[in-house]
Amino acid sequence: MQRALVARVRRCRAPGLLFFHVPNGLWLTDAVGAWMVEMGVKAGMVDLVFALPGRVLCLELKAEDGELRDAQLEARKEIVGVMWGWAVRDTLESATELLVECGFIRPGKW
């Protein structure tokens, strides 16, 4: 779902949109994991971040009926605490609709 959503965003992004993936899920070895933590990787961060002047949305993508882990719930508290938007979506269509509603992407042909 994430790759399909990123492809849609690339095709229909709003002018000036900054978006990126937070690559937390790849741990190759314990040594690499320890190095990543030293470099500032934080457990529970969202999958994608979208930003336009004056607004930021952090988006967590889950499989249908997927549950948030404790680290993700803690990250949500921290993100909302700095007045950024936070959302979770479990389908490509609902994630796309959210991004259109927020003005991060233009409605278009996917």
N, C-alpha and C. Protein backbone atom coordinates (compact mmCIF):
# COMPACT_ATOMS: atom_id res chain seq x y z
N MET A 1 0.81 -1.19 0.00
CA MET A 1 0.00 0.00 0.00
C MET A 1 0.86 1.26 0.00
N GLN A 2 1.95 1.25 0.77
CA GLN A 2 2.77 2.46 0.86
C GLN A 2 3.38 2.84 -0.49
N ARG A 3 3.89 1.88 -1.21
CA ARG A 3 4.49 2.19 -2.51
C ARG A 3 3.45 2.75 -3.47
N ALA A 4 2.25 2.19 -3.45
CA ALA A 4 1.18 2.69 -4.31
C ALA A 4 0.78 4.11 -3.92
N LEU A 5 0.72 4.40 -2.63
CA LEU A 5 0.38 5.75 -2.18
C LEU A 5 1.46 6.74 -2.58
N VAL A 6 2.71 6.37 -2.41
CA VAL A 6 3.81 7.26 -2.80
C VAL A 6 3.76 7.55 -4.31
N ALA A 7 3.43 6.54 -5.11
CA ALA A 7 3.31 6.76 -6.55
C ALA A 7 2.19 7.76 -6.85
N ARG A 8 1.08 7.66 -6.14
CA ARG A 8 -0.02 8.62 -6.33
C ARG A 8 0.42 10.02 -5.93
N VAL A 9 1.11 10.13 -4.82
CA VAL A 9 1.56 11.44 -4.35
C VAL A 9 2.51 12.05 -5.38
N ARG A 10 3.40 11.26 -5.91
CA ARG A 10 4.34 11.80 -6.91
C ARG A 10 3.63 12.31 -8.15
N ARG A 11 2.54 11.66 -8.53
CA ARG A 11 1.79 12.08 -9.72
C ARG A 11 0.93 13.31 -9.47
N CYS A 12 0.42 13.48 -8.25
CA CYS A 12 -0.59 14.51 -8.00
C CYS A 12 -0.26 15.42 -6.83
N ARG A 13 1.01 15.55 -6.51
CA ARG A 13 1.40 16.34 -5.34
C ARG A 13 1.05 17.81 -5.52
N ALA A 14 0.69 18.44 -4.41
CA ALA A 14 0.45 19.88 -4.41
C ALA A 14 1.78 20.59 -4.61
N PRO A 15 1.78 21.75 -5.25
CA PRO A 15 3.02 22.51 -5.41
C PRO A 15 3.65 22.82 -4.05
N GLY A 16 4.95 22.59 -3.95
CA GLY A 16 5.68 22.88 -2.72
C GLY A 16 5.63 21.79 -1.68
N LEU A 17 4.97 20.67 -1.96
CA LEU A 17 4.86 19.61 -0.98
C LEU A 17 6.21 18.95 -0.71
N LEU A 18 6.54 18.81 0.55
CA LEU A 18 7.67 18.00 1.00
C LEU A 18 7.07 16.74 1.61
N PHE A 19 7.52 15.59 1.15
CA PHE A 19 7.09 14.34 1.80
C PHE A 19 8.25 13.37 1.80
N PHE A 20 8.23 12.50 2.82
CA PHE A 20 9.29 11.51 2.92
C PHE A 20 8.85 10.34 3.79
N HIS A 21 9.56 9.24 3.62
CA HIS A 21 9.37 8.02 4.40
C HIS A 21 10.35 8.02 5.56
N VAL A 22 9.90 7.55 6.69
CA VAL A 22 10.78 7.40 7.85
C VAL A 22 11.18 5.92 7.91
N PRO A 23 12.44 5.61 7.53
CA PRO A 23 12.83 4.19 7.37
C PRO A 23 13.24 3.52 8.68
N ASN A 24 12.29 3.33 9.57
CA ASN A 24 12.61 2.71 10.86
C ASN A 24 12.57 1.20 10.84
N GLY A 25 11.91 0.59 9.90
CA GLY A 25 11.63 -0.83 9.98
C GLY A 25 12.72 -1.77 9.52
N LEU A 26 13.86 -1.28 9.11
CA LEU A 26 14.90 -2.14 8.56
C LEU A 26 16.04 -2.31 9.55
N TRP A 27 16.08 -3.44 10.21
CA TRP A 27 17.17 -3.75 11.14
C TRP A 27 17.89 -4.98 10.59
N LEU A 28 19.11 -4.79 10.14
CA LEU A 28 19.85 -5.90 9.54
C LEU A 28 20.57 -6.72 10.59
N THR A 29 21.17 -6.08 11.54
CA THR A 29 21.88 -6.76 12.62
C THR A 29 21.70 -5.94 13.89
N ASP A 30 22.04 -6.52 15.04
CA ASP A 30 21.96 -5.77 16.30
C ASP A 30 22.91 -4.57 16.26
N ALA A 31 24.05 -4.73 15.64
CA ALA A 31 25.02 -3.62 15.56
C ALA A 31 24.46 -2.48 14.73
N VAL A 32 23.81 -2.81 13.60
CA VAL A 32 23.20 -1.76 12.78
C VAL A 32 22.06 -1.10 13.54
N GLY A 33 21.28 -1.88 14.26
CA GLY A 33 20.20 -1.33 15.06
C GLY A 33 20.71 -0.37 16.12
N ALA A 34 21.78 -0.75 16.81
CA ALA A 34 22.36 0.13 17.82
C ALA A 34 22.89 1.41 17.19
N TRP A 35 23.53 1.29 16.04
CA TRP A 35 24.03 2.47 15.33
C TRP A 35 22.89 3.39 14.93
N MET A 36 21.79 2.80 14.44
CA MET A 36 20.65 3.61 14.03
C MET A 36 20.06 4.38 15.21
N VAL A 37 19.96 3.76 16.36
CA VAL A 37 19.47 4.44 17.55
C VAL A 37 20.40 5.59 17.92
N GLU A 38 21.70 5.35 17.85
CA GLU A 38 22.67 6.42 18.14
C GLU A 38 22.52 7.58 17.16
N MET A 39 22.09 7.29 15.94
CA MET A 39 21.93 8.31 14.91
C MET A 39 20.58 9.04 15.03
N GLY A 40 19.73 8.61 15.97
CA GLY A 40 18.49 9.32 16.20
C GLY A 40 17.22 8.61 15.77
N VAL A 41 17.32 7.38 15.32
CA VAL A 41 16.11 6.64 14.97
C VAL A 41 15.28 6.45 16.23
N LYS A 42 13.99 6.65 16.12
CA LYS A 42 13.08 6.56 17.25
C LYS A 42 11.99 5.54 16.94
N ALA A 43 11.82 4.59 17.80
CA ALA A 43 10.81 3.54 17.61
C ALA A 43 9.42 4.17 17.55
N GLY A 44 8.58 3.60 16.72
CA GLY A 44 7.18 4.01 16.66
C GLY A 44 6.87 5.15 15.72
N MET A 45 7.89 5.70 15.06
CA MET A 45 7.61 6.82 14.15
C MET A 45 6.76 6.36 12.98
N VAL A 46 6.07 7.30 12.38
CA VAL A 46 5.12 7.03 11.31
C VAL A 46 5.83 6.62 10.03
N ASP A 47 5.05 6.14 9.09
CA ASP A 47 5.60 5.70 7.81
C ASP A 47 5.93 6.86 6.88
N LEU A 48 5.06 7.86 6.83
CA LEU A 48 5.23 8.97 5.90
C LEU A 48 4.95 10.30 6.59
N VAL A 49 5.69 11.33 6.19
CA VAL A 49 5.47 12.69 6.68
C VAL A 49 5.23 13.59 5.48
N PHE A 50 4.19 14.42 5.57
CA PHE A 50 3.82 15.36 4.52
C PHE A 50 3.84 16.76 5.10
N ALA A 51 4.42 17.72 4.37
CA ALA A 51 4.49 19.09 4.88
C ALA A 51 4.30 20.11 3.78
N LEU A 52 3.51 21.11 4.10
CA LEU A 52 3.36 22.32 3.32
C LEU A 52 3.52 23.46 4.32
N PRO A 53 3.76 24.68 3.87
CA PRO A 53 3.92 25.77 4.82
C PRO A 53 2.75 25.84 5.81
N GLY A 54 3.07 25.78 7.07
CA GLY A 54 2.07 25.90 8.12
C GLY A 54 1.33 24.63 8.49
N ARG A 55 1.63 23.51 7.85
CA ARG A 55 0.94 22.27 8.22
C ARG A 55 1.81 21.05 7.95
N VAL A 56 1.70 20.11 8.86
CA VAL A 56 2.43 18.85 8.77
C VAL A 56 1.47 17.72 9.12
N LEU A 57 1.54 16.65 8.36
CA LEU A 57 0.76 15.45 8.66
C LEU A 57 1.69 14.26 8.72
N CYS A 58 1.61 13.53 9.81
CA CYS A 58 2.35 12.29 9.97
C CYS A 58 1.36 11.15 9.77
N LEU A 59 1.65 10.26 8.84
CA LEU A 59 0.71 9.22 8.45
C LEU A 59 1.28 7.83 8.71
N GLU A 60 0.56 7.07 9.49
CA GLU A 60 0.89 5.66 9.76
C GLU A 60 -0.01 4.80 8.90
N LEU A 61 0.56 3.87 8.18
CA LEU A 61 -0.20 2.95 7.34
C LEU A 61 -0.20 1.57 7.99
N LYS A 62 -1.36 0.99 8.09
CA LYS A 62 -1.52 -0.33 8.70
C LYS A 62 -2.27 -1.25 7.76
N ALA A 63 -2.01 -2.52 7.88
CA ALA A 63 -2.85 -3.50 7.19
C ALA A 63 -4.25 -3.38 7.79
N GLU A 64 -5.26 -3.78 7.04
CA GLU A 64 -6.62 -3.70 7.57
C GLU A 64 -6.67 -4.41 8.92
N ASP A 65 -7.29 -3.76 9.87
CA ASP A 65 -7.43 -4.27 11.25
C ASP A 65 -6.09 -4.36 11.98
N GLY A 66 -5.05 -3.70 11.46
CA GLY A 66 -3.77 -3.68 12.16
C GLY A 66 -3.87 -2.80 13.40
N GLU A 67 -3.15 -3.15 14.42
CA GLU A 67 -3.19 -2.39 15.67
C GLU A 67 -1.89 -1.64 15.86
N LEU A 68 -1.99 -0.49 16.51
CA LEU A 68 -0.80 0.29 16.82
C LEU A 68 -0.05 -0.34 17.99
N ARG A 69 1.26 -0.37 17.87
CA ARG A 69 2.11 -0.86 18.96
C ARG A 69 2.26 0.24 20.01
N ASP A 70 2.72 -0.14 21.21
CA ASP A 70 2.91 0.84 22.28
C ASP A 70 3.83 1.98 21.85
N ALA A 71 4.91 1.67 21.14
CA ALA A 71 5.84 2.71 20.69
C ALA A 71 5.15 3.67 19.73
N GLN A 72 4.22 3.16 18.92
CA GLN A 72 3.50 4.03 17.98
C GLN A 72 2.51 4.92 18.72
N LEU A 73 1.90 4.40 19.76
CA LEU A 73 0.99 5.22 20.57
C LEU A 73 1.77 6.34 21.27
N GLU A 74 2.95 6.04 21.75
CA GLU A 74 3.80 7.05 22.39
C GLU A 74 4.24 8.10 21.36
N ALA A 75 4.63 7.65 20.18
CA ALA A 75 5.02 8.59 19.12
C ALA A 75 3.85 9.50 18.75
N ARG A 76 2.65 8.94 18.70
CA ARG A 76 1.47 9.75 18.39
C ARG A 76 1.30 10.87 19.42
N LYS A 77 1.47 10.55 20.70
CA LYS A 77 1.37 11.58 21.74
C LYS A 77 2.38 12.70 21.53
N GLU A 78 3.61 12.32 21.20
CA GLU A 78 4.66 13.31 20.99
C GLU A 78 4.39 14.17 19.75
N ILE A 79 3.93 13.55 18.68
CA ILE A 79 3.65 14.27 17.44
C ILE A 79 2.50 15.26 17.64
N VAL A 80 1.44 14.81 18.24
CA VAL A 80 0.29 15.68 18.50
C VAL A 80 0.69 16.78 19.49
N GLY A 81 1.60 16.46 20.41
CA GLY A 81 2.06 17.44 21.39
C GLY A 81 2.79 18.63 20.78
N VAL A 82 3.36 18.47 19.60
CA VAL A 82 4.01 19.60 18.92
C VAL A 82 3.10 20.19 17.84
N MET A 83 1.82 19.85 17.93
CA MET A 83 0.78 20.43 17.07
C MET A 83 0.89 20.00 15.61
N TRP A 84 1.47 18.85 15.36
CA TRP A 84 1.46 18.29 14.01
C TRP A 84 0.25 17.38 13.89
N GLY A 85 -0.23 17.22 12.67
CA GLY A 85 -1.31 16.28 12.44
C GLY A 85 -0.79 14.85 12.47
N TRP A 86 -1.63 13.93 12.91
CA TRP A 86 -1.27 12.52 12.96
C TRP A 86 -2.51 11.73 12.55
N ALA A 87 -2.31 10.73 11.70
CA ALA A 87 -3.44 9.90 11.27
C ALA A 87 -2.94 8.49 10.98
N VAL A 88 -3.86 7.55 11.05
CA VAL A 88 -3.59 6.18 10.65
C VAL A 88 -4.66 5.79 9.64
N ARG A 89 -4.25 5.10 8.61
CA ARG A 89 -5.18 4.62 7.58
C ARG A 89 -4.81 3.18 7.24
N ASP A 90 -5.85 2.40 6.87
CA ASP A 90 -5.62 0.98 6.58
C ASP A 90 -5.96 0.57 5.16
N THR A 91 -6.31 1.55 4.32
CA THR A 91 -6.53 1.24 2.91
C THR A 91 -5.90 2.34 2.06
N LEU A 92 -5.55 1.99 0.85
CA LEU A 92 -4.99 2.95 -0.09
C LEU A 92 -5.99 4.07 -0.37
N GLU A 93 -7.24 3.72 -0.54
CA GLU A 93 -8.25 4.73 -0.86
C GLU A 93 -8.46 5.70 0.30
N SER A 94 -8.51 5.20 1.53
CA SER A 94 -8.74 6.11 2.66
C SER A 94 -7.53 7.01 2.88
N ALA A 95 -6.33 6.51 2.63
CA ALA A 95 -5.13 7.34 2.75
C ALA A 95 -5.12 8.42 1.66
N THR A 96 -5.49 8.04 0.46
CA THR A 96 -5.55 9.00 -0.65
C THR A 96 -6.58 10.09 -0.35
N GLU A 97 -7.76 9.69 0.10
CA GLU A 97 -8.81 10.66 0.43
C GLU A 97 -8.33 11.65 1.49
N LEU A 98 -7.65 11.17 2.50
CA LEU A 98 -7.13 12.04 3.55
C LEU A 98 -6.16 13.07 2.97
N LEU A 99 -5.25 12.63 2.12
CA LEU A 99 -4.26 13.55 1.55
C LEU A 99 -4.91 14.59 0.65
N VAL A 100 -5.97 14.20 -0.07
CA VAL A 100 -6.71 15.17 -0.88
C VAL A 100 -7.41 16.17 0.03
N GLU A 101 -8.10 15.68 1.07
CA GLU A 101 -8.82 16.55 2.00
C GLU A 101 -7.88 17.56 2.67
N CYS A 102 -6.66 17.14 2.97
CA CYS A 102 -5.69 18.01 3.64
C CYS A 102 -4.96 18.93 2.67
N GLY A 103 -5.16 18.73 1.37
CA GLY A 103 -4.53 19.60 0.38
C GLY A 103 -3.10 19.22 0.03
N PHE A 104 -2.67 18.03 0.42
CA PHE A 104 -1.31 17.61 0.11
C PHE A 104 -1.19 17.05 -1.30
N ILE A 105 -2.29 16.50 -1.82
CA ILE A 105 -2.31 16.07 -3.21
C ILE A 105 -3.59 16.58 -3.86
N ARG A 106 -3.53 16.73 -5.18
CA ARG A 106 -4.68 17.17 -5.95
C ARG A 106 -5.50 15.94 -6.36
N PRO A 107 -6.82 16.10 -6.42
CA PRO A 107 -7.61 14.98 -6.94
C PRO A 107 -7.14 14.69 -8.36
N GLY A 108 -7.10 13.44 -8.70
CA GLY A 108 -6.64 13.12 -10.04
C GLY A 108 -6.90 11.70 -10.41
N LYS A 109 -6.39 11.32 -11.55
CA LYS A 109 -6.51 9.94 -12.01
C LYS A 109 -5.35 9.16 -11.41
N TRP A 110 -5.66 8.18 -10.66
CA TRP A 110 -4.60 7.42 -10.00
C TRP A 110 -4.10 6.37 -10.96
